[in-house]
C-alpha atoms as a PDB file:
ATOM      1  CA  UNK A   1      81.334 -40.253  62.850  1.00  0.00           C
ATOM      2  CA  UNK A   2      80.367 -39.211  59.383  1.00  0.00           C
ATOM      3  CA  UNK A   3      78.742 -41.722  57.102  1.00  0.00           C
ATOM      4  CA  UNK A   4      79.354 -41.700  53.436  1.00  0.00           C
ATOM      5  CA  UNK A   5      76.039 -41.268  51.535  1.00  0.00           C
ATOM      6  CA  UNK A   6      75.734 -43.080  48.225  1.00  0.00           C
ATOM      7  CA  UNK A   7      75.975 -40.728  45.276  1.00  0.00           C
ATOM      8  CA  UNK A   8      73.116 -40.731  42.686  1.00  0.00           C
ATOM      9  CA  UNK A   9      74.364 -40.498  39.164  1.00  0.00           C
ATOM     10  CA  UNK A  10      72.263 -38.253  36.915  1.00  0.00           C
ATOM     11  CA  UNK A  11      72.304 -40.409  33.817  1.00  0.00           C
ATOM     12  CA  UNK A  12      68.885 -39.214  32.375  1.00  0.00           C
ATOM     13  CA  UNK A  13      69.951 -35.735  31.310  1.00  0.00           C
ATOM     14  CA  UNK A  14      72.561 -36.773  28.730  1.00  0.00           C
ATOM     15  CA  UNK A  15      70.242 -39.448  27.343  1.00  0.00           C
ATOM     16  CA  UNK A  16      67.268 -37.068  27.161  1.00  0.00           C
ATOM     17  CA  UNK A  17      69.370 -34.387  25.552  1.00  0.00           C
ATOM     18  CA  UNK A  18      70.583 -36.831  22.943  1.00  0.00           C
ATOM     19  CA  UNK A  19      66.989 -38.006  22.275  1.00  0.00           C
ATOM     20  CA  UNK A  20      65.790 -34.488  21.838  1.00  0.00           C
ATOM     21  CA  UNK A  21      68.688 -33.771  19.508  1.00  0.00           C
ATOM     22  CA  UNK A  22      67.751 -36.788  17.401  1.00  0.00           C
ATOM     23  CA  UNK A  23      64.069 -35.768  17.329  1.00  0.00           C
ATOM     24  CA  UNK A  24      62.857 -38.808  19.240  1.00  0.00           C
ATOM     25  CA  UNK A  25      60.892 -36.652  21.663  1.00  0.00           C
ATOM     26  CA  UNK A  26      58.710 -33.642  20.789  1.00  0.00           C
ATOM     27  CA  UNK A  27      57.782 -30.714  22.952  1.00  0.00           C
ATOM     28  CA  UNK A  28      53.993 -30.247  23.400  1.00  0.00           C
ATOM     29  CA  UNK A  29      52.551 -27.189  21.654  1.00  0.00           C
ATOM     30  CA  UNK A  30      51.751 -25.634  25.025  1.00  0.00           C
ATOM     31  CA  UNK A  31      55.469 -25.545  25.733  1.00  0.00           C
ATOM     32  CA  UNK A  32      56.398 -23.837  22.523  1.00  0.00           C
ATOM     33  CA  UNK A  33      57.319 -20.206  22.923  1.00  0.00           C
ATOM     34  CA  UNK A  34      55.731 -19.273  19.584  1.00  0.00           C
ATOM     35  CA  UNK A  35      52.669 -21.105  18.237  1.00  0.00           C
ATOM     36  CA  UNK A  36      51.818 -21.183  14.550  1.00  0.00           C
ATOM     37  CA  UNK A  37      48.902 -18.968  13.523  1.00  0.00           C
ATOM     38  CA  UNK A  38      46.190 -20.422  11.250  1.00  0.00           C
ATOM     39  CA  UNK A  39      45.606 -18.674   7.954  1.00  0.00           C
ATOM     40  CA  UNK A  40      42.301 -16.699   8.197  1.00  0.00           C
ATOM     41  CA  UNK A  41      39.529 -17.578   5.723  1.00  0.00           C
ATOM     42  CA  UNK A  42      39.262 -15.105   2.847  1.00  0.00           C
ATOM     43  CA  UNK A  43      36.066 -14.856   0.815  1.00  0.00           C
ATOM     44  CA  UNK A  44      35.063 -12.638  -2.070  1.00  0.00           C
ATOM     45  CA  UNK A  45      31.352 -11.922  -2.657  1.00  0.00           C
ATOM     46  CA  UNK A  46      30.211 -11.059  -6.177  1.00  0.00           C
ATOM     47  CA  UNK A  47      26.786 -10.668  -7.769  1.00  0.00           C
ATOM     48  CA  UNK A  48      26.189 -11.346 -11.458  1.00  0.00           C
ATOM     49  CA  UNK A  49      23.223 -10.342 -13.575  1.00  0.00           C
ATOM     50  CA  UNK A  50      21.636 -11.972 -16.616  1.00  0.00           C
ATOM     51  CA  UNK A  51      18.773 -10.853 -18.867  1.00  0.00           C
ATOM     52  CA  UNK A  52      17.115 -12.704 -21.734  1.00  0.00           C
ATOM     53  CA  UNK A  53      14.465 -11.249 -24.044  1.00  0.00           C
ATOM     54  CA  UNK A  54      11.693 -13.380 -25.564  1.00  0.00           C
ATOM     55  CA  UNK A  55       8.828 -12.406 -27.899  1.00  0.00           C
ATOM     56  CA  UNK A  56       5.290 -12.151 -26.507  1.00  0.00           C
ATOM     57  CA  UNK A  57       3.375 -14.404 -28.853  1.00  0.00           C
ATOM     58  CA  UNK A  58       0.280 -14.803 -26.645  1.00  0.00           C
ATOM     59  CA  UNK A  59      -2.397 -12.301 -25.648  1.00  0.00           C
ATOM     60  CA  UNK A  60      -4.506 -12.386 -22.496  1.00  0.00           C
ATOM     61  CA  UNK A  61      -7.848 -10.598 -22.865  1.00  0.00           C
ATOM     62  CA  UNK A  62     -10.438  -9.512 -20.286  1.00  0.00           C
ATOM     63  CA  UNK A  63     -13.761  -8.506 -21.784  1.00  0.00           C
ATOM     64  CA  UNK A  64     -17.453  -8.819 -21.071  1.00  0.00           C
ATOM     65  CA  UNK A  65     -20.929  -7.376 -21.071  1.00  0.00           C
ATOM     66  CA  UNK A  66     -22.303  -4.489 -19.010  1.00  0.00           C
ATOM     67  CA  UNK A  67     -26.002  -3.504 -19.116  1.00  0.00           C
ATOM     68  CA  UNK A  68     -28.106  -0.919 -17.298  1.00  0.00           C
ATOM     69  CA  UNK A  69     -31.900  -1.017 -16.889  1.00  0.00           C
ATOM     70  CA  UNK A  70     -34.804  -0.274 -14.617  1.00  0.00           C
ATOM     71  CA  UNK A  71     -35.086  -3.597 -12.796  1.00  0.00           C
ATOM     72  CA  UNK A  72     -32.510  -6.051 -11.520  1.00  0.00           C
ATOM     73  CA  UNK A  73     -34.231  -8.959 -13.264  1.00  0.00           C
ATOM     74  CA  UNK A  74     -34.259  -7.124 -16.573  1.00  0.00           C
ATOM     75  CA  UNK A  75     -30.564  -6.257 -16.618  1.00  0.00           C
ATOM     76  CA  UNK A  76     -29.506  -9.659 -15.285  1.00  0.00           C
ATOM     77  CA  UNK A  77     -31.388 -11.482 -18.029  1.00  0.00           C
ATOM     78  CA  UNK A  78     -29.954  -9.205 -20.711  1.00  0.00           C
ATOM     79  CA  UNK A  79     -26.408  -9.671 -19.402  1.00  0.00           C
ATOM     80  CA  UNK A  80     -26.913 -13.442 -19.355  1.00  0.00           C
ATOM     81  CA  UNK A  81     -28.198 -13.436 -22.942  1.00  0.00           C
ATOM     82  CA  UNK A  82     -25.338 -11.353 -24.329  1.00  0.00           C
ATOM     83  CA  UNK A  83     -22.694 -13.128 -22.255  1.00  0.00           C
ATOM     84  CA  UNK A  84     -23.852 -16.503 -23.537  1.00  0.00           C
ATOM     85  CA  UNK A  85     -23.417 -15.304 -27.123  1.00  0.00           C
ATOM     86  CA  UNK A  86     -19.912 -13.999 -26.373  1.00  0.00           C
ATOM     87  CA  UNK A  87     -18.856 -17.206 -24.622  1.00  0.00           C
ATOM     88  CA  UNK A  88     -20.153 -19.356 -27.473  1.00  0.00           C
ATOM     89  CA  UNK A  89     -18.107 -17.267 -29.898  1.00  0.00           C
ATOM     90  CA  UNK A  90     -14.946 -17.638 -27.807  1.00  0.00           C
ATOM     91  CA  UNK A  91     -15.391 -21.397 -27.506  1.00  0.00           C
ATOM     92  CA  UNK A  92     -15.880 -21.686 -31.258  1.00  0.00           C
ATOM     93  CA  UNK A  93     -12.548 -19.884 -31.743  1.00  0.00           C
ATOM     94  CA  UNK A  94     -10.759 -22.384 -29.458  1.00  0.00           C
ATOM     95  CA  UNK A  95      -9.344 -19.816 -27.049  1.00  0.00           C
ATOM     96  CA  UNK A  96      -7.332 -21.078 -24.078  1.00  0.00           C
ATOM     97  CA  UNK A  97      -7.965 -20.702 -20.339  1.00  0.00           C
ATOM     98  CA  UNK A  98     -11.459 -19.295 -20.743  1.00  0.00           C
ATOM     99  CA  UNK A  99     -12.930 -18.442 -17.348  1.00  0.00           C
ATOM    100  CA  UNK A 100     -15.314 -16.046 -15.634  1.00  0.00           C
ATOM    101  CA  UNK A 101     -13.448 -13.380 -13.660  1.00  0.00           C
ATOM    102  CA  UNK A 102     -16.285 -11.162 -12.441  1.00  0.00           C
ATOM    103  CA  UNK A 103     -20.077 -10.987 -12.043  1.00  0.00           C
ATOM    104  CA  UNK A 104     -21.705  -7.879 -10.587  1.00  0.00           C
ATOM    105  CA  UNK A 105     -25.205  -6.530 -10.032  1.00  0.00           C
ATOM    106  CA  UNK A 106     -25.454  -3.088  -8.401  1.00  0.00           C
ATOM    107  CA  UNK A 107     -28.158  -0.470  -7.937  1.00  0.00           C
ATOM    108  CA  UNK A 108     -27.758   2.864  -9.687  1.00  0.00           C
ATOM    109  CA  UNK A 109     -28.493   5.862  -7.453  1.00  0.00           C
ATOM    110  CA  UNK A 110     -29.517   9.448  -8.119  1.00  0.00           C
ATOM    111  CA  UNK A 111     -28.381  12.005  -5.592  1.00  0.00           C
ATOM    112  CA  UNK A 112     -30.888  14.455  -4.133  1.00  0.00           C
ATOM    113  CA  UNK A 113     -29.895  17.713  -2.502  1.00  0.00           C
ATOM    114  CA  UNK A 114     -32.110  17.491   0.550  1.00  0.00           C
ATOM    115  CA  UNK A 115     -33.000  13.814   0.632  1.00  0.00           C
ATOM    116  CA  UNK A 116     -31.403  10.403   0.632  1.00  0.00           C
ATOM    117  CA  UNK A 117     -30.242   9.038  -2.744  1.00  0.00           C
ATOM    118  CA  UNK A 118     -32.890   7.090  -4.617  1.00  0.00           C
ATOM    119  CA  UNK A 119     -32.482   3.999  -6.776  1.00  0.00           C
ATOM    120  CA  UNK A 120     -33.230   4.744 -10.427  1.00  0.00           C
ATOM    121  CA  UNK A 121     -32.111   1.435 -11.911  1.00  0.00           C
ATOM    122  CA  UNK A 122     -29.560  -1.369 -11.884  1.00  0.00           C
ATOM    123  CA  UNK A 123     -26.276  -2.162 -13.605  1.00  0.00           C
ATOM    124  CA  UNK A 124     -25.007  -5.703 -14.183  1.00  0.00           C
ATOM    125  CA  UNK A 125     -21.829  -7.066 -15.745  1.00  0.00           C
ATOM    126  CA  UNK A 126     -20.237 -10.398 -16.587  1.00  0.00           C
ATOM    127  CA  UNK A 127     -16.500 -10.457 -17.351  1.00  0.00           C
ATOM    128  CA  UNK A 128     -14.455 -13.337 -18.784  1.00  0.00           C
ATOM    129  CA  UNK A 129     -10.766 -13.784 -19.501  1.00  0.00           C
ATOM    130  CA  UNK A 130      -9.006 -15.968 -22.045  1.00  0.00           C
ATOM    131  CA  UNK A 131      -5.750 -16.444 -23.930  1.00  0.00           C
ATOM    132  CA  UNK A 132      -4.979 -16.794 -27.616  1.00  0.00           C
ATOM    133  CA  UNK A 133      -2.180 -16.197 -30.096  1.00  0.00           C
ATOM    134  CA  UNK A 134      -1.434 -12.515 -30.655  1.00  0.00           C
ATOM    135  CA  UNK A 135      -1.881 -12.704 -34.412  1.00  0.00           C
ATOM    136  CA  UNK A 136      -5.569 -13.654 -33.866  1.00  0.00           C
ATOM    137  CA  UNK A 137      -6.353 -11.174 -31.100  1.00  0.00           C
ATOM    138  CA  UNK A 138      -7.424  -8.168 -33.166  1.00  0.00           C
ATOM    139  CA  UNK A 139      -9.950 -10.082 -35.256  1.00  0.00           C
ATOM    140  CA  UNK A 140     -11.403 -11.831 -32.220  1.00  0.00           C
ATOM    141  CA  UNK A 141     -11.856  -8.563 -30.326  1.00  0.00           C
ATOM    142  CA  UNK A 142     -13.945  -7.208 -33.198  1.00  0.00           C
ATOM    143  CA  UNK A 143     -15.995 -10.413 -33.328  1.00  0.00           C
ATOM    144  CA  UNK A 144     -16.615 -10.325 -29.567  1.00  0.00           C
ATOM    145  CA  UNK A 145     -17.918  -6.756 -29.719  1.00  0.00           C
ATOM    146  CA  UNK A 146     -20.193  -7.681 -32.612  1.00  0.00           C
ATOM    147  CA  UNK A 147     -21.466 -10.646 -30.561  1.00  0.00           C
ATOM    148  CA  UNK A 148     -22.487  -8.382 -27.670  1.00  0.00           C
ATOM    149  CA  UNK A 149     -19.382  -7.495 -25.625  1.00  0.00           C
ATOM    150  CA  UNK A 150     -19.484  -3.897 -24.364  1.00  0.00           C
ATOM    151  CA  UNK A 151     -16.330  -3.878 -22.225  1.00  0.00           C
ATOM    152  CA  UNK A 152     -12.711  -4.639 -22.962  1.00  0.00           C
ATOM    153  CA  UNK A 153     -10.963  -4.266 -19.612  1.00  0.00           C
ATOM    154  CA  UNK A 154      -7.447  -5.114 -20.699  1.00  0.00           C
ATOM    155  CA  UNK A 155      -5.160  -6.771 -23.213  1.00  0.00           C
ATOM    156  CA  UNK A 156      -1.892  -8.202 -21.889  1.00  0.00           C
ATOM    157  CA  UNK A 157       0.976  -9.614 -23.951  1.00  0.00           C
ATOM    158  CA  UNK A 158       2.855 -12.607 -22.571  1.00  0.00           C
ATOM    159  CA  UNK A 159       5.219 -15.339 -23.701  1.00  0.00           C
ATOM    160  CA  UNK A 160       4.349 -19.048 -23.465  1.00  0.00           C
ATOM    161  CA  UNK A 161       5.122 -20.711 -20.127  1.00  0.00           C
ATOM    162  CA  UNK A 162       7.694 -23.047 -21.689  1.00  0.00           C
ATOM    163  CA  UNK A 163       9.523 -20.170 -23.356  1.00  0.00           C
ATOM    164  CA  UNK A 164       9.627 -18.183 -20.108  1.00  0.00           C
ATOM    165  CA  UNK A 165      11.067 -21.138 -18.172  1.00  0.00           C
ATOM    166  CA  UNK A 166      13.747 -21.705 -20.813  1.00  0.00           C
ATOM    167  CA  UNK A 167      14.601 -17.994 -20.743  1.00  0.00           C
ATOM    168  CA  UNK A 168      14.803 -18.056 -16.947  1.00  0.00           C
ATOM    169  CA  UNK A 169      17.369 -20.860 -17.034  1.00  0.00           C
ATOM    170  CA  UNK A 170      19.376 -18.990 -19.663  1.00  0.00           C
ATOM    171  CA  UNK A 171      19.292 -15.839 -17.527  1.00  0.00           C
ATOM    172  CA  UNK A 172      20.582 -17.779 -14.492  1.00  0.00           C
ATOM    173  CA  UNK A 173      23.461 -19.211 -16.552  1.00  0.00           C
ATOM    174  CA  UNK A 174      24.342 -15.744 -17.830  1.00  0.00           C
ATOM    175  CA  UNK A 175      24.227 -14.297 -14.296  1.00  0.00           C
ATOM    176  CA  UNK A 176      26.465 -17.096 -12.984  1.00  0.00           C
ATOM    177  CA  UNK A 177      29.037 -16.528 -15.714  1.00  0.00           C
ATOM    178  CA  UNK A 178      28.932 -12.785 -15.039  1.00  0.00           C
ATOM    179  CA  UNK A 179      29.651 -13.366 -11.348  1.00  0.00           C
ATOM    180  CA  UNK A 180      32.592 -15.681 -12.109  1.00  0.00           C
ATOM    181  CA  UNK A 181      34.030 -13.201 -14.605  1.00  0.00           C
ATOM    182  CA  UNK A 182      33.858 -10.421 -12.035  1.00  0.00           C
ATOM    183  CA  UNK A 183      35.552 -12.595  -9.415  1.00  0.00           C
ATOM    184  CA  UNK A 184      38.389 -13.618 -11.748  1.00  0.00           C
ATOM    185  CA  UNK A 185      38.960 -10.007 -12.796  1.00  0.00           C
ATOM    186  CA  UNK A 186      39.250  -8.791  -9.203  1.00  0.00           C
ATOM    187  CA  UNK A 187      41.422 -11.659  -7.990  1.00  0.00           C
ATOM    188  CA  UNK A 188      43.721 -11.444 -11.003  1.00  0.00           C
ATOM    189  CA  UNK A 189      44.278  -7.743 -10.386  1.00  0.00           C
ATOM    190  CA  UNK A 190      45.289  -8.542  -6.794  1.00  0.00           C
ATOM    191  CA  UNK A 191      47.437 -11.562  -7.727  1.00  0.00           C
ATOM    192  CA  UNK A 192      45.110 -14.014  -6.008  1.00  0.00           C
ATOM    193  CA  UNK A 193      43.668 -17.274  -7.327  1.00  0.00           C
ATOM    194  CA  UNK A 194      40.054 -18.372  -7.117  1.00  0.00           C
ATOM    195  CA  UNK A 195      39.721 -21.554  -5.039  1.00  0.00           C
ATOM    196  CA  UNK A 196      36.201 -22.817  -4.356  1.00  0.00           C
ATOM    197  CA  UNK A 197      32.637 -21.518  -4.167  1.00  0.00           C
ATOM    198  CA  UNK A 198      31.375 -21.734  -0.603  1.00  0.00           C
ATOM    199  CA  UNK A 199      27.897 -20.189  -1.005  1.00  0.00           C
ATOM    200  CA  UNK A 200      25.412 -19.619  -3.845  1.00  0.00           C
ATOM    201  CA  UNK A 201      22.262 -17.467  -3.907  1.00  0.00           C
ATOM    202  CA  UNK A 202      19.958 -17.332  -6.953  1.00  0.00           C
ATOM    203  CA  UNK A 203      17.124 -14.870  -7.599  1.00  0.00           C
ATOM    204  CA  UNK A 204      15.040 -14.711 -10.766  1.00  0.00           C
ATOM    205  CA  UNK A 205      12.051 -12.571 -11.681  1.00  0.00           C
ATOM    206  CA  UNK A 206       9.242 -13.179 -14.142  1.00  0.00           C
ATOM    207  CA  UNK A 207       8.023  -9.979 -15.814  1.00  0.00           C
ATOM    208  CA  UNK A 208       4.565  -8.531 -15.521  1.00  0.00           C
ATOM    209  CA  UNK A 209       2.422  -8.871 -18.640  1.00  0.00           C
ATOM    210  CA  UNK A 210       2.492  -5.857 -20.951  1.00  0.00           C
ATOM    211  CA  UNK A 211      -0.873  -4.094 -20.951  1.00  0.00           C
ATOM    212  CA  UNK A 212      -2.148  -2.677 -24.210  1.00  0.00           C
ATOM    213  CA  UNK A 213      -5.284  -0.718 -23.357  1.00  0.00           C
ATOM    214  CA  UNK A 214      -8.719  -0.803 -21.751  1.00  0.00           C
ATOM    215  CA  UNK A 215     -11.974   0.134 -23.472  1.00  0.00           C
ATOM    216  CA  UNK A 216     -15.585   0.380 -22.305  1.00  0.00           C
ATOM    217  CA  UNK A 217     -18.849   0.874 -24.126  1.00  0.00           C
ATOM    218  CA  UNK A 218     -17.358   1.432 -27.553  1.00  0.00           C
ATOM    219  CA  UNK A 219     -17.226  -0.694 -30.642  1.00  0.00           C
ATOM    220  CA  UNK A 220     -14.476  -0.326 -33.264  1.00  0.00           C
ATOM    221  CA  UNK A 221     -15.554   0.565 -36.766  1.00  0.00           C
ATOM    222  CA  UNK A 222     -12.487  -1.048 -38.264  1.00  0.00           C
ATOM    223  CA  UNK A 223     -10.247  -4.009 -37.632  1.00  0.00           C
ATOM    224  CA  UNK A 224      -8.419  -3.591 -34.332  1.00  0.00           C
ATOM    225  CA  UNK A 225      -4.624  -3.902 -34.739  1.00  0.00           C
ATOM    226  CA  UNK A 226      -2.943  -5.869 -31.951  1.00  0.00           C
ATOM    227  CA  UNK A 227       0.845  -6.196 -31.894  1.00  0.00           C
ATOM    228  CA  UNK A 228       2.883  -7.886 -29.202  1.00  0.00           C
ATOM    229  CA  UNK A 229       6.320  -6.939 -27.985  1.00  0.00           C
ATOM    230  CA  UNK A 230       9.099  -8.561 -25.995  1.00  0.00           C
ATOM    231  CA  UNK A 231       9.438  -9.655 -22.394  1.00  0.00           C
ATOM    232  CA  UNK A 232      12.693  -9.613 -20.452  1.00  0.00           C
ATOM    233  CA  UNK A 233      13.477 -12.390 -17.979  1.00  0.00           C
ATOM    234  CA  UNK A 234      16.122 -11.368 -15.445  1.00  0.00           C
ATOM    235  CA  UNK A 235      18.155 -13.239 -12.836  1.00  0.00           C
ATOM    236  CA  UNK A 236      20.867 -12.467 -10.290  1.00  0.00           C
ATOM    237  CA  UNK A 237      23.385 -14.922  -8.855  1.00  0.00           C
ATOM    238  CA  UNK A 238      25.489 -14.107  -5.768  1.00  0.00           C
ATOM    239  CA  UNK A 239      28.621 -16.201  -5.111  1.00  0.00           C
ATOM    240  CA  UNK A 240      30.894 -16.363  -2.060  1.00  0.00           C
ATOM    241  CA  UNK A 241      34.298 -17.534  -3.333  1.00  0.00           C
ATOM    242  CA  UNK A 242      37.348 -18.401  -1.245  1.00  0.00           C
ATOM    243  CA  UNK A 243      40.798 -17.367  -2.424  1.00  0.00           C
END
């Protein structure tokens, strides 16, 4: 005898289909046949340069006394005497950053063909450095030689520290503007728009002092002309810009 089994009505499918049609349910992304691709990041890297020139109104001088003699005590005392006169002159002229940069005492040898070199005397020196305005440098060099200086090791032209720092900031601004101008030119040519700066790198360089000359064991017979020049402060700025 066959029994009649109760029939289960499938009432979920029409309801679910209607819900999906109305947007009440959403299909998880893993079930989507095609997933949306994220837009890749696009960056443009540009490097700008900036240079600012400033006059060198200060002069750094290295000069001193060098003496040779038969005994170490003799030359050392003579160097001390002359150096004291030179330093007193420099202090009276109100030079800046006066300091001793070198003191030496060395034997002087004579070479022999068949024997060891022999000491024939000693050489001593005392070197100082200082800074002053360039328009006073020539006159002071002559005065220092007259006071006993026998060496002028170098004359460097520099700008004041405050002027160099101001020029450095101006160079960085100019380099930044140069980098932005380059970026806008490139992106405009490609029909893109600059969005935001995602990375910044700044490099700046202070110039080396300009050297005039070096002189030893000679005294000028006329007023020494000293003329400064110009220093260039440079900077580079590298920008990574999204577009």
